[in-house]
C-alpha cells in the first residue's frame, strides 16, 4: 500500500501492513480493543488474525 504509515502501540513508526495487523493482536491481548474489532481491522487490511496464537495470514 503506497503511502501507508502509522505509529504502533509501542511507539514505533512502521509502513508494513502486517505489522499493523500484529499490533491489533497486541492491543487485543492488552485489553484495549475487543476480539471482534481486532479481527475486523485485520480483514480490512486483507489478513486473517488468529486471536489465540497471534498468527496472521494473507487472505
PDB file of N, CA and C in Angstrom:
ATOM      1  N   UNK A   1       0.855  -1.168   0.000  1.00  0.00           N
ATOM      2  CA  UNK A   1       0.000   0.000   0.000  1.00  0.00           C
ATOM      3  C   UNK A   1       0.901   1.230   0.000  1.00  0.00           C
ATOM      4  N   UNK A   2       0.780   2.043  -0.954  1.00  0.00           N
ATOM      5  CA  UNK A   2       1.640   3.198  -1.128  1.00  0.00           C
ATOM      6  C   UNK A   2       1.221   4.319  -0.170  1.00  0.00           C
ATOM      7  N   UNK A   3       2.178   4.886   0.556  1.00  0.00           N
ATOM      8  CA  UNK A   3       1.896   5.993   1.444  1.00  0.00           C
ATOM      9  C   UNK A   3       1.321   5.601   2.789  1.00  0.00           C
ATOM     10  N   UNK A   4       1.305   4.331   3.111  1.00  0.00           N
ATOM     11  CA  UNK A   4       0.754   3.862   4.376  1.00  0.00           C
ATOM     12  C   UNK A   4       1.794   4.026   5.473  1.00  0.00           C
ATOM     13  N   UNK A   5       1.438   4.690   6.563  1.00  0.00           N
ATOM     14  CA  UNK A   5       2.357   4.916   7.668  1.00  0.00           C
ATOM     15  C   UNK A   5       1.556   5.074   8.953  1.00  0.00           C
ATOM     16  N   UNK A   6       2.018   4.495  10.034  1.00  0.00           N
ATOM     17  CA  UNK A   6       1.353   4.638  11.317  1.00  0.00           C
ATOM     18  C   UNK A   6       2.364   4.443  12.437  1.00  0.00           C
ATOM     19  N   UNK A   7       1.962   4.818  13.645  1.00  0.00           N
ATOM     20  CA  UNK A   7       2.769   4.593  14.834  1.00  0.00           C
ATOM     21  C   UNK A   7       2.097   3.488  15.616  1.00  0.00           C
ATOM     22  N   UNK A   8       2.826   2.385  15.885  1.00  0.00           N
ATOM     23  CA  UNK A   8       2.206   1.248  16.561  1.00  0.00           C
ATOM     24  C   UNK A   8       2.067   1.480  18.060  1.00  0.00           C
ATOM     25  N   UNK A   9       1.498   0.513  18.770  1.00  0.00           N
ATOM     26  CA  UNK A   9       1.214   0.660  20.197  1.00  0.00           C
ATOM     27  C   UNK A   9       2.474   0.763  21.040  1.00  0.00           C
ATOM     28  N   UNK A  10       3.615   0.418  20.482  1.00  0.00           N
ATOM     29  CA  UNK A  10       4.889   0.548  21.200  1.00  0.00           C
ATOM     30  C   UNK A  10       5.581   1.871  20.869  1.00  0.00           C
ATOM     31  N   UNK A  11       4.954   2.693  20.027  1.00  0.00           N
ATOM     32  CA  UNK A  11       5.501   3.988  19.679  1.00  0.00           C
ATOM     33  C   UNK A  11       6.464   3.983  18.513  1.00  0.00           C
ATOM     34  N   UNK A  12       6.536   2.883  17.770  1.00  0.00           N
ATOM     35  CA  UNK A  12       7.457   2.778  16.643  1.00  0.00           C
ATOM     36  C   UNK A  12       6.736   3.086  15.335  1.00  0.00           C
ATOM     37  N   UNK A  13       7.443   3.745  14.423  1.00  0.00           N
ATOM     38  CA  UNK A  13       6.900   4.026  13.092  1.00  0.00           C
ATOM     39  C   UNK A  13       6.996   2.771  12.226  1.00  0.00           C
ATOM     40  N   UNK A  14       5.992   2.539  11.405  1.00  0.00           N
ATOM     41  CA  UNK A  14       6.009   1.381  10.518  1.00  0.00           C
ATOM     42  C   UNK A  14       5.242   1.696   9.246  1.00  0.00           C
ATOM     43  N   UNK A  15       5.623   1.033   8.172  1.00  0.00           N
ATOM     44  CA  UNK A  15       4.883   1.136   6.920  1.00  0.00           C
ATOM     45  C   UNK A  15       4.370  -0.233   6.478  1.00  0.00           C
ATOM     46  N   UNK A  16       4.539  -1.249   7.317  1.00  0.00           N
ATOM     47  CA  UNK A  16       4.130  -2.606   6.971  1.00  0.00           C
ATOM     48  C   UNK A  16       2.700  -2.883   7.429  1.00  0.00           C
ATOM     49  N   UNK A  17       1.885  -3.348   6.503  1.00  0.00           N
ATOM     50  CA  UNK A  17       0.506  -3.696   6.846  1.00  0.00           C
ATOM     51  C   UNK A  17       0.495  -4.889   7.803  1.00  0.00           C
ATOM     52  N   UNK A  18       1.393  -5.844   7.616  1.00  0.00           N
ATOM     53  CA  UNK A  18       1.471  -6.998   8.515  1.00  0.00           C
ATOM     54  C   UNK A  18       1.822  -6.554   9.935  1.00  0.00           C
ATOM     55  N   UNK A  19       2.673  -5.549  10.091  1.00  0.00           N
ATOM     56  CA  UNK A  19       2.988  -5.009  11.415  1.00  0.00           C
ATOM     57  C   UNK A  19       1.746  -4.396  12.055  1.00  0.00           C
ATOM     58  N   UNK A  20       0.941  -3.720  11.252  1.00  0.00           N
ATOM     59  CA  UNK A  20      -0.301  -3.130  11.749  1.00  0.00           C
ATOM     60  C   UNK A  20      -1.239  -4.219  12.272  1.00  0.00           C
ATOM     61  N   UNK A  21      -1.366  -5.303  11.514  1.00  0.00           N
ATOM     62  CA  UNK A  21      -2.238  -6.398  11.924  1.00  0.00           C
ATOM     63  C   UNK A  21      -1.701  -7.051  13.205  1.00  0.00           C
ATOM     64  N   UNK A  22      -0.395  -7.248  13.286  1.00  0.00           N
ATOM     65  CA  UNK A  22       0.208  -7.804  14.500  1.00  0.00           C
ATOM     66  C   UNK A  22      -0.028  -6.874  15.688  1.00  0.00           C
ATOM     67  N   UNK A  23      -0.018  -5.577  15.454  1.00  0.00           N
ATOM     68  CA  UNK A  23      -0.273  -4.607  16.510  1.00  0.00           C
ATOM     69  C   UNK A  23      -1.708  -4.734  17.020  1.00  0.00           C
ATOM     70  N   UNK A  24      -2.638  -5.079  16.143  1.00  0.00           N
ATOM     71  CA  UNK A  24      -4.018  -5.297  16.578  1.00  0.00           C
ATOM     72  C   UNK A  24      -4.078  -6.431  17.598  1.00  0.00           C
ATOM     73  N   UNK A  25      -3.276  -7.468  17.392  1.00  0.00           N
ATOM     74  CA  UNK A  25      -3.236  -8.578  18.339  1.00  0.00           C
ATOM     75  C   UNK A  25      -2.661  -8.118  19.681  1.00  0.00           C
ATOM     76  N   UNK A  26      -1.620  -7.299  19.649  1.00  0.00           N
ATOM     77  CA  UNK A  26      -1.057  -6.762  20.900  1.00  0.00           C
ATOM     78  C   UNK A  26      -2.093  -5.939  21.662  1.00  0.00           C
ATOM     79  N   UNK A  27      -2.842  -5.114  20.952  1.00  0.00           N
ATOM     80  CA  UNK A  27      -3.875  -4.307  21.588  1.00  0.00           C
ATOM     81  C   UNK A  27      -4.978  -5.183  22.175  1.00  0.00           C
ATOM     82  N   UNK A  28      -5.339  -6.243  21.470  1.00  0.00           N
ATOM     83  CA  UNK A  28      -6.346  -7.179  21.968  1.00  0.00           C
ATOM     84  C   UNK A  28      -5.853  -7.854  23.252  1.00  0.00           C
ATOM     85  N   UNK A  29      -4.622  -8.355  23.242  1.00  0.00           N
ATOM     86  CA  UNK A  29      -4.064  -9.025  24.423  1.00  0.00           C
ATOM     87  C   UNK A  29      -3.961  -8.069  25.610  1.00  0.00           C
ATOM     88  N   UNK A  30      -3.728  -6.785  25.352  1.00  0.00           N
ATOM     89  CA  UNK A  30      -3.629  -5.787  26.417  1.00  0.00           C
ATOM     90  C   UNK A  30      -5.007  -5.346  26.918  1.00  0.00           C
ATOM     91  N   UNK A  31      -6.068  -5.793  26.238  1.00  0.00           N
ATOM     92  CA  UNK A  31      -7.425  -5.454  26.648  1.00  0.00           C
ATOM     93  C   UNK A  31      -7.888  -4.085  26.175  1.00  0.00           C
ATOM     94  N   UNK A  32      -7.160  -3.480  25.244  1.00  0.00           N
ATOM     95  CA  UNK A  32      -7.527  -2.152  24.760  1.00  0.00           C
ATOM     96  C   UNK A  32      -8.603  -2.190  23.677  1.00  0.00           C
ATOM     97  N   UNK A  33      -8.691  -3.312  22.950  1.00  0.00           N
ATOM     98  CA  UNK A  33      -9.753  -3.496  21.966  1.00  0.00           C
ATOM     99  C   UNK A  33     -10.304  -4.910  22.123  1.00  0.00           C
ATOM    100  N   UNK A  34     -11.515  -5.126  21.627  1.00  0.00           N
ATOM    101  CA  UNK A  34     -12.080  -6.472  21.717  1.00  0.00           C
ATOM    102  C   UNK A  34     -11.673  -7.312  20.507  1.00  0.00           C
ATOM    103  N   UNK A  35     -11.922  -8.600  20.596  1.00  0.00           N
ATOM    104  CA  UNK A  35     -11.513  -9.527  19.548  1.00  0.00           C
ATOM    105  C   UNK A  35     -12.167  -9.257  18.212  1.00  0.00           C
ATOM    106  N   UNK A  36     -13.436  -8.852  18.245  1.00  0.00           N
ATOM    107  CA  UNK A  36     -14.147  -8.571  17.001  1.00  0.00           C
ATOM    108  C   UNK A  36     -13.500  -7.409  16.267  1.00  0.00           C
ATOM    109  N   UNK A  37     -13.145  -6.365  17.002  1.00  0.00           N
ATOM    110  CA  UNK A  37     -12.503  -5.203  16.382  1.00  0.00           C
ATOM    111  C   UNK A  37     -11.153  -5.577  15.785  1.00  0.00           C
ATOM    112  N   UNK A  38     -10.380  -6.371  16.503  1.00  0.00           N
ATOM    113  CA  UNK A  38      -9.066  -6.787  16.020  1.00  0.00           C
ATOM    114  C   UNK A  38      -9.198  -7.582  14.725  1.00  0.00           C
ATOM    115  N   UNK A  39     -10.157  -8.509  14.698  1.00  0.00           N
ATOM    116  CA  UNK A  39     -10.350  -9.333  13.505  1.00  0.00           C
ATOM    117  C   UNK A  39     -10.872  -8.507  12.330  1.00  0.00           C
ATOM    118  N   UNK A  40     -11.748  -7.536  12.600  1.00  0.00           N
ATOM    119  CA  UNK A  40     -12.277  -6.694  11.539  1.00  0.00           C
ATOM    120  C   UNK A  40     -11.178  -5.825  10.931  1.00  0.00           C
ATOM    121  N   UNK A  41     -10.321  -5.262  11.769  1.00  0.00           N
ATOM    122  CA  UNK A  41      -9.217  -4.450  11.260  1.00  0.00           C
ATOM    123  C   UNK A  41      -8.287  -5.295  10.380  1.00  0.00           C
ATOM    124  N   UNK A  42      -8.011  -6.512  10.830  1.00  0.00           N
ATOM    125  CA  UNK A  42      -7.165  -7.413  10.042  1.00  0.00           C
ATOM    126  C   UNK A  42      -7.815  -7.712   8.692  1.00  0.00           C
ATOM    127  N   UNK A  43      -9.107  -7.991   8.706  1.00  0.00           N
ATOM    128  CA  UNK A  43      -9.825  -8.311   7.471  1.00  0.00           C
ATOM    129  C   UNK A  43      -9.826  -7.119   6.506  1.00  0.00           C
ATOM    130  N   UNK A  44      -9.966  -5.908   7.039  1.00  0.00           N
ATOM    131  CA  UNK A  44      -9.942  -4.723   6.180  1.00  0.00           C
ATOM    132  C   UNK A  44      -8.605  -4.567   5.470  1.00  0.00           C
ATOM    133  N   UNK A  45      -7.550  -5.044   6.099  1.00  0.00           N
ATOM    134  CA  UNK A  45      -6.212  -4.950   5.515  1.00  0.00           C
ATOM    135  C   UNK A  45      -5.861  -6.168   4.670  1.00  0.00           C
ATOM    136  N   UNK A  46      -6.797  -7.136   4.582  1.00  0.00           N
ATOM    137  CA  UNK A  46      -6.577  -8.306   3.737  1.00  0.00           C
ATOM    138  C   UNK A  46      -5.877  -9.455   4.442  1.00  0.00           C
ATOM    139  N   UNK A  47      -5.954  -9.492   5.761  1.00  0.00           N
ATOM    140  CA  UNK A  47      -5.313 -10.548   6.544  1.00  0.00           C
ATOM    141  C   UNK A  47      -6.333 -11.251   7.423  1.00  0.00           C
ATOM    142  N   UNK A  48      -5.984 -12.436   7.859  1.00  0.00           N
ATOM    143  CA  UNK A  48      -6.766 -13.178   8.843  1.00  0.00           C
ATOM    144  C   UNK A  48      -5.924 -13.238  10.111  1.00  0.00           C
ATOM    145  N   UNK A  49      -6.528 -12.929  11.265  1.00  0.00           N
ATOM    146  CA  UNK A  49      -5.831 -12.897  12.536  1.00  0.00           C
ATOM    147  C   UNK A  49      -6.377 -13.974  13.456  1.00  0.00           C
ATOM    148  N   UNK A  50      -5.489 -14.829  13.960  1.00  0.00           N
ATOM    149  CA  UNK A  50      -5.854 -15.839  14.945  1.00  0.00           C
ATOM    150  C   UNK A  50      -5.618 -15.217  16.319  1.00  0.00           C
ATOM    151  N   UNK A  51      -6.691 -14.965  17.058  1.00  0.00           N
ATOM    152  CA  UNK A  51      -6.564 -14.282  18.341  1.00  0.00           C
ATOM    153  C   UNK A  51      -5.861 -15.126  19.400  1.00  0.00           C
ATOM    154  N   UNK A  52      -6.001 -16.418  19.320  1.00  0.00           N
ATOM    155  CA  UNK A  52      -5.376 -17.283  20.328  1.00  0.00           C
ATOM    156  C   UNK A  52      -3.847 -17.329  20.180  1.00  0.00           C
ATOM    157  N   UNK A  53      -3.389 -17.449  18.933  1.00  0.00           N
ATOM    158  CA  UNK A  53      -1.944 -17.614  18.703  1.00  0.00           C
ATOM    159  C   UNK A  53      -1.246 -16.340  18.219  1.00  0.00           C
ATOM    160  N   UNK A  54      -2.016 -15.392  17.699  1.00  0.00           N
ATOM    161  CA  UNK A  54      -1.418 -14.184  17.125  1.00  0.00           C
ATOM    162  C   UNK A  54      -0.946 -14.366  15.694  1.00  0.00           C
ATOM    163  N   UNK A  55      -1.189 -15.543  15.121  1.00  0.00           N
ATOM    164  CA  UNK A  55      -0.756 -15.818  13.748  1.00  0.00           C
ATOM    165  C   UNK A  55      -1.576 -14.982  12.767  1.00  0.00           C
ATOM    166  N   UNK A  56      -0.890 -14.449  11.770  1.00  0.00           N
ATOM    167  CA  UNK A  56      -1.589 -13.706  10.714  1.00  0.00           C
ATOM    168  C   UNK A  56      -1.301 -14.375   9.378  1.00  0.00           C
ATOM    169  N   UNK A  57      -2.330 -14.419   8.548  1.00  0.00           N
ATOM    170  CA  UNK A  57      -2.176 -14.998   7.210  1.00  0.00           C
ATOM    171  C   UNK A  57      -2.824 -14.067   6.209  1.00  0.00           C
ATOM    172  N   UNK A  58      -2.243 -13.994   5.035  1.00  0.00           N
ATOM    173  CA  UNK A  58      -2.791 -13.163   3.959  1.00  0.00           C
ATOM    174  C   UNK A  58      -4.022 -13.851   3.412  1.00  0.00           C
ATOM    175  N   UNK A  59      -5.060 -13.087   3.176  1.00  0.00           N
ATOM    176  CA  UNK A  59      -6.311 -13.650   2.638  1.00  0.00           C
ATOM    177  C   UNK A  59      -6.197 -13.861   1.148  1.00  0.00           C
TER     178      UNK A  59
END
